[in-house]
Amino acid sequence: MNNHQHVCISAYGAVTPLGSSLDEISQSLQHGHSGIRAIEKFDTMTFQTKWAGVPELGNRKIRWPREVGQRVCPGEMLYADVAADRLVGHYNPIDHYPASRIGCVVGVDDPSIDPQRCIDMTDQLGSEASGQRDAEIKKAIEFFRISEMMNLDVTSVLRTIHSHVPFAGYSRCHVGLCSASLQALGMAKQAILDGKIDVAIVGGVSAKVNPFNLAQLEAIGAVCTDPLLEGAHRSRPFDSRRSGFMPAEGAVLFVVEKESAIEARGGHNYCRLLGYGASMAAQHIVAPHTESLEMRLCMQRALADSGVLLEDISCVNAHGTSTMLNDFHEAAALEQIFGEVELPPVTATKSLHGHLIAAAGAMEVLGTMASFRDEFIPGVLNLERQDAEIHVPVLSNTRHTRLRNVLKNSFGMGGLAASMVLQNPQEGV
């Protein structure tokens, strides 16, 4: 493909556990500074999980029970608002494109009911509510007004972003859990190449570090609750002691457009979205396919779409969740994909920032932008002893080297998977 037809990232806005700027994120990734911190949003006394990748903003602004005078705002909308504000502070596409040619594709989790609203409703009903089921249901319906229900719709994130960039083109919310934001990038890339739009706001938003979600994750054994490990030590992709992921949240938004348009206005090019592939195995509601089918298919499709040879991949930015099944199956799929070709170094930055669910892929693309700019592959934190059944070259220490092409994976529950080949914008210059 001619360079001028490449779709690239030209701006970003972020709220993440590692900070908001590329400088902050680069420093954390290079030097192993974890963004896992104590959860201050709610009392974790009854939980085994007391730490998460919560942005400092989230710990300050979101509290349950709510403090007097505290603004009620769902976490998804808070993070989307701040990320969008930071994005347009760098570059606002409405200054260069008509609204009808601007799209928005965002990976987002289903927003949760604000726990404070449940607290308030319980207080309002009182202890004598039991035995009056029909009457109390009516009170509950009245309590959770239409405005509350609107905040629980995934499109509330689109409305929030629209308040900063009044787009009127192709728009979507993708709710594919852990692969959502990488699939959003792929969908936006294709929409631009197909001529549906000229530019898009793309990324992911998640605010799942809340009492309801944490209780569910602990109940199904998805998060690490190892009592011998604390805080940042619990997120350990590919390590023999891994036992679950570290919850995290935040928002990462990008502007994506054709390289020719970026060059014409003298804009900044952070990364080329060179190839994209997606697949779905759906063999099990949670676990990966037993033969790693969905992982292999999406990587094969992304590589074919990019036209990049296996030997030209500088590194793999793995999904690497720190769960027993994902890391084993992802490593097995990588061995199958590369075959006789020497595997490039593998990294997994969830060890440093946790798993941002719908925003995970976007978070890791942002980290890859830092790697391109500052020429490094981040080491995997807490990789003390690599699992003996994992035979890929996982980095435990940061390696300083120029990167050409990175294979990025994002795999979700139920076999929904996405991969993307990202290229250093200096490549070919």
Protein backbone atom coordinates (compact mmCIF):
# COMPACT_ATOMS: atom_id res chain seq x y z
CA MET A 1 0.00 0.00 0.00
CA ASN A 2 1.22 3.50 -0.80
CA ASN A 3 2.32 5.33 2.37
CA HIS A 4 -0.16 8.09 1.67
CA GLN A 5 -3.02 5.60 2.02
CA HIS A 6 -1.90 4.38 5.44
CA VAL A 7 -4.19 5.19 8.35
CA CYS A 8 -2.24 6.62 11.28
CA ILE A 9 -2.67 7.96 14.80
CA SER A 10 -2.21 11.73 14.84
CA ALA A 11 -3.29 12.69 18.39
CA TYR A 12 -4.23 11.14 21.72
CA GLY A 13 -5.93 11.94 25.03
CA ALA A 14 -5.64 9.61 28.01
CA VAL A 15 -6.46 8.90 31.64
CA THR A 16 -4.49 5.80 32.66
CA PRO A 17 -2.91 4.16 35.71
CA LEU A 18 0.50 5.22 34.34
CA GLY A 19 -0.45 8.87 33.76
CA SER A 20 -1.85 10.91 30.91
CA SER A 21 1.14 11.94 28.80
CA LEU A 22 3.36 9.90 26.52
CA ASP A 23 6.34 11.05 28.59
CA GLU A 24 4.84 9.70 31.83
CA ILE A 25 3.82 6.43 30.23
CA SER A 26 7.20 5.96 28.53
CA GLN A 27 9.10 6.51 31.79
CA SER A 28 6.91 4.04 33.68
CA LEU A 29 7.22 1.37 31.00
CA GLN A 30 10.98 1.79 30.60
CA HIS A 31 11.79 1.77 34.30
CA GLY A 32 9.22 -0.68 35.63
CA HIS A 33 7.19 1.84 37.64
CA SER A 34 3.84 0.19 38.32
CA GLY A 35 0.52 2.02 38.17
CA ILE A 36 -1.12 -0.51 40.50
CA ARG A 37 -2.22 1.29 43.69
CA ALA A 38 -4.56 0.90 46.63
CA ILE A 39 -8.26 1.20 45.78
CA GLU A 40 -9.60 4.29 47.55
CA LYS A 41 -12.92 4.52 45.71
CA PHE A 42 -14.68 2.22 48.20
CA ASP A 43 -14.04 0.16 51.31
CA THR A 44 -12.23 -3.06 50.28
CA MET A 45 -12.38 -4.67 53.74
CA THR A 46 -14.59 -7.55 52.52
CA PHE A 47 -12.59 -8.09 49.31
CA GLN A 48 -9.41 -10.04 48.75
CA THR A 49 -8.51 -7.56 46.01
CA LYS A 50 -7.45 -4.27 47.55
CA TRP A 51 -5.34 -2.90 44.69
CA ALA A 52 -6.02 -2.07 41.07
CA GLY A 53 -4.80 -0.02 38.14
CA VAL A 54 -6.91 2.97 39.13
CA PRO A 55 -5.88 6.35 37.69
CA GLU A 56 -5.18 8.91 40.39
CA LEU A 57 -8.10 10.92 39.02
CA GLY A 58 -10.45 7.99 39.64
CA ASN A 59 -9.35 7.59 43.25
CA ARG A 60 -9.93 11.32 43.83
CA LYS A 61 -13.19 11.84 41.97
CA ILE A 62 -15.10 8.57 42.42
CA ARG A 63 -16.05 7.59 45.98
CA TRP A 64 -18.67 5.30 47.52
CA PRO A 65 -20.39 6.23 49.75
CA ARG A 66 -20.40 9.65 48.14
CA GLU A 67 -18.92 12.52 50.06
CA VAL A 68 -21.08 15.56 50.74
CA GLY A 69 -21.18 17.82 47.69
CA GLN A 70 -19.51 15.24 45.44
CA ARG A 71 -20.71 15.29 41.85
CA VAL A 72 -22.51 12.13 40.71
CA CYS A 73 -20.95 11.02 37.42
CA PRO A 74 -20.48 7.45 36.14
CA GLY A 75 -16.80 6.58 35.88
CA GLU A 76 -17.07 5.84 32.16
CA MET A 77 -18.35 9.35 31.48
CA LEU A 78 -15.78 10.97 33.78
CA TYR A 79 -12.87 9.25 32.05
CA ALA A 80 -14.28 9.81 28.56
CA ASP A 81 -14.81 13.51 29.28
CA VAL A 82 -11.27 14.07 30.55
CA ALA A 83 -9.65 11.99 27.79
CA ALA A 84 -11.65 13.81 25.09
CA ASP A 85 -10.73 17.18 26.59
CA ARG A 86 -7.05 16.25 26.53
CA LEU A 87 -7.39 14.93 22.99
CA VAL A 88 -8.79 18.14 21.54
CA GLY A 89 -6.15 20.05 23.53
CA HIS A 90 -3.62 18.38 21.21
CA TYR A 91 -5.67 18.47 18.01
CA ASN A 92 -9.36 18.87 17.22
CA PRO A 93 -10.39 17.37 13.87
CA ILE A 94 -13.48 19.63 13.67
CA ASP A 95 -11.04 22.43 12.81
CA HIS A 96 -10.02 20.58 9.64
CA TYR A 97 -12.94 18.36 8.60
CA PRO A 98 -16.71 18.81 8.22
CA ALA A 99 -18.68 17.05 10.97
CA SER A 100 -20.20 14.62 8.44
CA ARG A 101 -16.73 13.26 7.63
CA ILE A 102 -15.75 12.70 11.29
CA GLY A 103 -16.61 9.36 12.89
CA CYS A 104 -16.30 7.87 16.36
CA VAL A 105 -15.69 4.19 17.21
CA VAL A 106 -15.15 3.37 20.88
CA GLY A 107 -14.69 0.15 22.81
CA VAL A 108 -16.67 0.41 26.03
CA ASP A 109 -17.85 -1.81 28.88
CA ASP A 110 -21.51 -1.84 29.82
CA PRO A 111 -21.68 0.93 32.43
CA SER A 112 -22.67 -0.21 35.91
CA ILE A 113 -25.33 1.21 38.20
CA ASP A 114 -23.67 3.76 40.45
CA PRO A 115 -23.30 2.00 43.84
CA GLN A 116 -24.17 5.31 45.52
CA ARG A 117 -27.60 5.24 43.92
CA CYS A 118 -28.20 1.80 45.44
CA ILE A 119 -27.06 3.09 48.84
CA ASP A 120 -29.41 6.07 48.56
CA MET A 121 -32.34 3.91 47.47
CA THR A 122 -31.83 1.46 50.35
CA ASP A 123 -31.74 4.33 52.82
CA GLN A 124 -34.90 5.79 51.32
CA LEU A 125 -36.84 2.51 51.44
CA GLY A 126 -35.97 1.79 55.06
CA SER A 127 -35.97 -1.49 56.98
CA GLU A 128 -39.75 -1.99 56.75
CA ALA A 129 -39.58 -2.44 52.93
CA SER A 130 -39.56 -6.24 53.11
CA GLY A 131 -42.92 -7.85 52.33
CA GLN A 132 -44.10 -4.95 50.18
CA ARG A 133 -42.54 -6.12 46.94
CA ASP A 134 -44.86 -4.53 44.35
CA ALA A 135 -44.92 -1.18 46.08
CA GLU A 136 -41.15 -1.11 46.44
CA ILE A 137 -40.59 -2.03 42.80
CA LYS A 138 -42.64 1.02 41.83
CA LYS A 139 -40.54 3.16 44.17
CA ALA A 140 -37.35 1.75 42.65
CA ILE A 141 -38.51 2.51 39.11
CA GLU A 142 -39.29 6.06 40.16
CA PHE A 143 -35.95 6.36 41.94
CA PHE A 144 -33.86 5.24 38.95
CA ARG A 145 -35.14 7.97 36.69
CA ILE A 146 -34.77 8.19 32.93
CA SER A 147 -31.61 10.25 33.40
CA GLU A 148 -30.11 7.39 35.40
CA MET A 149 -30.98 4.86 32.71
CA MET A 150 -29.41 7.04 30.02
CA ASN A 151 -26.15 6.97 31.94
CA LEU A 152 -26.25 3.16 31.85
CA ASP A 153 -26.42 3.07 28.04
CA VAL A 154 -23.09 2.46 26.29
CA THR A 155 -23.85 5.33 23.93
CA SER A 156 -23.45 7.72 26.88
CA VAL A 157 -19.72 7.58 26.10
CA LEU A 158 -20.41 8.68 22.52
CA ARG A 159 -22.51 11.59 23.83
CA THR A 160 -19.68 12.64 26.12
CA ILE A 161 -17.09 12.61 23.32
CA HIS A 162 -19.56 14.38 21.00
CA SER A 163 -19.68 17.32 23.44
CA HIS A 164 -16.00 17.93 22.59
CA VAL A 165 -15.99 16.91 18.91
CA PRO A 166 -19.44 17.21 17.26
CA PHE A 167 -18.97 14.31 14.83
CA ALA A 168 -21.80 13.33 12.47
CA GLY A 169 -20.23 10.45 10.55
CA TYR A 170 -19.89 6.67 10.98
CA SER A 171 -20.10 5.90 14.71
CA ARG A 172 -20.12 2.73 16.79
CA CYS A 173 -19.79 1.45 20.35
CA HIS A 174 -18.02 -1.89 20.53
CA VAL A 175 -18.75 -3.97 23.63
CA GLY A 176 -16.37 -6.85 22.91
CA LEU A 177 -14.85 -6.78 26.39
CA CYS A 178 -11.06 -7.20 26.37
CA SER A 179 -10.65 -6.89 22.58
CA ALA A 180 -13.09 -3.99 22.19
CA SER A 181 -10.75 -1.03 21.72
CA LEU A 182 -8.35 -2.82 19.37
CA GLN A 183 -11.35 -3.88 17.28
CA ALA A 184 -12.56 -0.27 17.37
CA LEU A 185 -9.23 0.81 15.86
CA GLY A 186 -9.57 -1.83 13.16
CA MET A 187 -13.15 -0.82 12.36
CA ALA A 188 -12.23 2.87 12.13
CA LYS A 189 -9.22 2.11 9.93
CA GLN A 190 -11.42 0.20 7.49
CA ALA A 191 -14.15 2.86 7.52
CA ILE A 192 -11.59 5.47 6.49
CA LEU A 193 -10.12 3.27 3.73
CA ASP A 194 -13.65 2.51 2.49
CA GLY A 195 -14.37 6.24 2.19
CA LYS A 196 -17.16 6.31 4.79
CA ILE A 197 -15.31 8.96 6.80
CA ASP A 198 -12.02 10.86 6.62
CA VAL A 199 -11.08 10.87 10.29
CA ALA A 200 -12.24 9.19 13.51
CA ILE A 201 -12.07 9.48 17.26
CA VAL A 202 -11.19 5.95 18.37
CA GLY A 203 -10.21 4.16 21.57
CA GLY A 204 -11.58 2.60 24.71
CA VAL A 205 -13.24 3.56 27.98
CA SER A 206 -13.65 1.38 31.07
CA ALA A 207 -14.56 1.98 34.72
CA LYS A 208 -15.05 -1.52 36.07
CA VAL A 209 -13.16 -1.16 39.35
CA ASN A 210 -16.33 -1.06 41.43
CA PRO A 211 -17.77 -3.24 44.21
CA PHE A 212 -20.20 -5.14 41.95
CA ASN A 213 -17.67 -6.08 39.29
CA LEU A 214 -14.93 -6.91 41.78
CA ALA A 215 -17.24 -9.28 43.65
CA GLN A 216 -18.08 -11.05 40.38
CA LEU A 217 -14.44 -11.35 39.33
CA GLU A 218 -13.41 -12.79 42.67
CA ALA A 219 -16.33 -15.24 42.60
CA ILE A 220 -15.29 -16.74 39.25
CA GLY A 221 -11.57 -16.72 40.09
CA ALA A 222 -10.58 -14.37 37.26
CA VAL A 223 -8.47 -12.02 39.39
CA CYS A 224 -5.42 -12.86 41.45
CA THR A 225 -6.25 -13.27 45.14
CA ASP A 226 -2.97 -14.95 46.16
CA PRO A 227 -2.56 -13.98 49.86
CA LEU A 228 1.24 -14.25 49.57
CA LEU A 229 1.36 -11.50 46.94
CA GLU A 230 0.41 -7.87 47.43
CA GLY A 231 -0.32 -4.91 45.21
CA ALA A 232 1.76 -4.64 42.06
CA HIS A 233 3.25 -8.14 42.56
CA ARG A 234 -0.03 -9.85 41.63
CA SER A 235 0.09 -8.95 37.94
CA ARG A 236 2.68 -11.36 36.52
CA PRO A 237 2.08 -12.41 32.88
CA PHE A 238 3.79 -15.63 31.78
CA ASP A 239 5.22 -16.23 35.27
CA SER A 240 4.87 -19.64 36.94
CA ARG A 241 3.02 -18.03 39.90
CA ARG A 242 0.41 -16.19 37.87
CA SER A 243 -3.17 -16.88 38.96
CA GLY A 244 -5.35 -14.07 37.64
CA PHE A 245 -5.39 -10.57 36.21
CA MET A 246 -5.17 -7.23 37.97
CA PRO A 247 -8.30 -5.07 37.41
CA ALA A 248 -7.73 -1.61 35.99
CA GLU A 249 -9.62 1.23 34.34
CA GLY A 250 -9.29 4.48 32.43
CA ALA A 251 -9.73 5.90 28.95
CA VAL A 252 -7.50 6.24 25.90
CA LEU A 253 -8.72 8.09 22.80
CA PHE A 254 -6.95 8.64 19.48
CA VAL A 255 -7.49 10.63 16.31
CA VAL A 256 -6.88 8.41 13.29
CA GLU A 257 -6.69 9.65 9.70
CA LYS A 258 -4.79 9.10 6.45
CA GLU A 259 -1.07 9.73 6.48
CA SER A 260 -1.39 12.04 3.48
CA ALA A 261 -3.74 14.33 5.44
CA ILE A 262 -1.39 14.44 8.42
CA GLU A 263 1.54 15.34 6.19
CA ALA A 264 -0.44 17.99 4.31
CA ARG A 265 -1.15 19.98 7.46
CA GLY A 266 2.23 19.27 9.13
CA GLY A 267 0.63 17.19 11.88
CA HIS A 268 2.23 14.60 14.14
CA ASN A 269 2.31 10.94 13.13
CA TYR A 270 2.61 8.62 16.14
CA CYS A 271 1.92 5.23 14.60
CA ARG A 272 0.74 3.50 11.42
CA LEU A 273 -2.16 1.04 11.73
CA LEU A 274 -0.72 -1.28 9.14
CA GLY A 275 -2.78 -4.48 9.38
CA TYR A 276 -5.84 -5.70 11.27
CA GLY A 277 -7.44 -9.07 11.87
CA ALA A 278 -10.32 -10.30 14.02
CA SER A 279 -11.92 -13.65 14.78
CA MET A 280 -14.32 -15.40 17.12
CA ALA A 281 -14.15 -19.02 18.26
CA ALA A 282 -17.01 -19.07 20.83
CA GLN A 283 -16.13 -22.58 22.01
CA HIS A 284 -16.57 -21.58 25.66
CA ILE A 285 -18.24 -18.63 27.37
CA VAL A 286 -15.02 -17.63 29.16
CA ALA A 287 -12.04 -19.85 28.26
CA PRO A 288 -9.96 -19.59 25.06
CA HIS A 289 -10.43 -22.21 22.34
CA THR A 290 -8.60 -25.42 23.31
CA GLU A 291 -6.55 -25.19 20.12
CA SER A 292 -6.02 -21.40 20.42
CA LEU A 293 -8.01 -21.07 17.17
CA GLU A 294 -9.25 -17.50 17.56
CA MET A 295 -5.77 -16.29 18.52
CA ARG A 296 -4.12 -17.88 15.50
CA LEU A 297 -6.74 -16.66 13.06
CA CYS A 298 -6.67 -13.01 14.06
CA MET A 299 -2.85 -12.89 14.02
CA GLN A 300 -2.74 -14.55 10.60
CA ARG A 301 -5.31 -12.07 9.26
CA ALA A 302 -3.51 -9.03 10.70
CA LEU A 303 -0.18 -10.14 9.26
CA ALA A 304 -1.73 -10.83 5.84
CA ASP A 305 -3.48 -7.44 5.84
CA SER A 306 -0.23 -5.66 6.72
CA GLY A 307 1.97 -7.40 4.14
CA VAL A 308 4.75 -7.54 6.74
CA LEU A 309 6.95 -10.64 6.80
CA LEU A 310 7.27 -12.57 10.06
CA GLU A 311 11.01 -11.84 10.22
CA ASP A 312 10.24 -8.10 10.10
CA ILE A 313 8.21 -8.14 13.34
CA SER A 314 10.37 -6.46 15.98
CA CYS A 315 8.30 -7.48 18.98
CA VAL A 316 4.98 -8.92 20.13
CA ASN A 317 2.94 -6.81 22.53
CA ALA A 318 0.93 -9.67 24.01
CA HIS A 319 -2.53 -9.65 25.53
CA GLY A 320 -0.70 -11.26 28.47
CA THR A 321 -3.35 -11.07 31.17
CA SER A 322 -1.56 -13.05 33.91
CA THR A 323 -4.25 -15.75 33.84
CA MET A 324 -3.26 -19.39 33.52
CA LEU A 325 -5.24 -20.04 30.34
CA ASN A 326 -4.66 -16.87 28.31
CA ASP A 327 -0.89 -16.80 28.70
CA PHE A 328 -0.48 -20.50 27.91
CA HIS A 329 -2.73 -20.38 24.84
CA GLU A 330 -1.32 -17.09 23.55
CA ALA A 331 2.23 -18.44 23.77
CA ALA A 332 1.18 -21.64 21.98
CA ALA A 333 -0.52 -19.62 19.23
CA LEU A 334 2.60 -17.48 18.75
CA GLU A 335 4.73 -20.59 18.34
CA GLN A 336 2.34 -21.84 15.67
CA ILE A 337 2.24 -18.49 13.86
CA PHE A 338 6.00 -18.00 13.67
CA GLY A 339 6.76 -21.65 12.95
CA GLU A 340 10.39 -22.01 11.87
CA VAL A 341 11.01 -18.26 12.00
CA GLU A 342 12.77 -17.06 15.16
CA LEU A 343 10.25 -15.55 17.54
CA PRO A 344 10.78 -11.85 18.34
CA PRO A 345 10.80 -10.63 21.96
CA VAL A 346 7.44 -10.79 23.73
CA THR A 347 6.25 -8.22 26.25
CA ALA A 348 3.07 -7.79 28.30
CA THR A 349 2.53 -4.37 29.83
CA LYS A 350 -0.52 -5.39 31.89
CA SER A 351 2.16 -6.31 34.43
CA LEU A 352 2.59 -2.56 34.95
CA HIS A 353 -0.86 -1.04 34.46
CA GLY A 354 -3.30 -3.93 34.92
CA HIS A 355 -6.14 -4.99 32.64
CA LEU A 356 -8.27 -2.08 31.41
CA ILE A 357 -10.84 -4.45 29.83
CA ALA A 358 -12.53 -2.46 27.02
CA ALA A 359 -9.67 0.07 27.04
CA ALA A 360 -6.89 -2.56 27.25
CA GLY A 361 -5.95 -2.61 23.57
CA ALA A 362 -5.92 1.19 23.32
CA MET A 363 -3.75 1.42 26.45
CA GLU A 364 -1.21 -0.96 24.92
CA VAL A 365 -1.24 0.82 21.56
CA LEU A 366 -0.44 4.01 23.48
CA GLY A 367 2.46 2.18 25.12
CA THR A 368 3.66 1.02 21.71
CA MET A 369 3.67 4.63 20.52
CA ALA A 370 6.05 5.39 23.41
CA SER A 371 8.22 2.41 22.39
CA PHE A 372 8.43 3.67 18.80
CA ARG A 373 9.34 7.18 19.90
CA ASP A 374 11.87 6.29 22.59
CA GLU A 375 13.21 3.06 21.06
CA PHE A 376 12.62 0.42 23.72
CA ILE A 377 10.72 -2.79 24.46
CA PRO A 378 9.37 -2.76 28.04
CA GLY A 379 10.22 -5.69 30.27
CA VAL A 380 7.49 -7.71 31.98
CA LEU A 381 7.28 -6.79 35.66
CA ASN A 382 7.26 -9.69 38.16
CA LEU A 383 8.55 -12.24 35.66
CA GLU A 384 10.62 -14.06 38.26
CA ARG A 385 10.42 -17.55 36.74
CA GLN A 386 8.83 -18.07 33.36
CA ASP A 387 6.31 -20.91 33.22
CA ALA A 388 8.15 -24.02 31.98
CA GLU A 389 5.27 -24.77 29.57
CA ILE A 390 5.62 -21.37 27.87
CA HIS A 391 8.30 -21.42 25.18
CA VAL A 392 8.32 -17.90 23.79
CA PRO A 393 11.07 -15.32 24.57
CA VAL A 394 9.35 -13.12 27.17
CA LEU A 395 11.41 -10.09 28.22
CA SER A 396 11.94 -9.57 31.94
CA ASN A 397 14.04 -6.40 31.51
CA THR A 398 13.65 -3.41 29.24
CA ARG A 399 15.60 -3.68 25.99
CA HIS A 400 16.63 -0.47 24.22
CA THR A 401 16.35 -0.94 20.48
CA ARG A 402 14.69 0.64 17.45
CA LEU A 403 11.37 -1.00 16.59
CA ARG A 404 10.01 -1.37 13.08
CA ASN A 405 6.77 -3.37 13.35
CA VAL A 406 4.90 -4.59 16.44
CA LEU A 407 2.27 -7.34 16.52
CA LYS A 408 -0.36 -6.32 19.11
CA ASN A 409 -2.89 -8.82 20.48
CA SER A 410 -6.15 -8.33 22.39
CA PHE A 411 -8.22 -11.39 23.29
CA GLY A 412 -11.61 -11.33 25.00
CA MET A 413 -13.77 -13.82 26.85
CA GLY A 414 -15.90 -16.09 24.70
CA GLY A 415 -13.28 -16.35 21.98
CA LEU A 416 -13.50 -12.79 20.62
CA ALA A 417 -10.03 -11.81 19.42
CA ALA A 418 -8.19 -9.05 17.56
CA SER A 419 -4.65 -8.42 16.38
CA MET A 420 -3.02 -5.43 14.74
CA VAL A 421 0.35 -4.81 13.12
CA LEU A 422 1.56 -1.38 14.19
CA GLN A 423 4.42 0.30 12.33
CA ASN A 424 6.92 2.90 13.44
CA PRO A 425 6.08 6.04 11.44
CA GLN A 426 9.80 6.54 10.78
CA GLU A 427 9.89 3.26 8.88
CA GLY A 428 10.38 3.83 5.18
CA VAL A 429 11.29 7.49 5.66
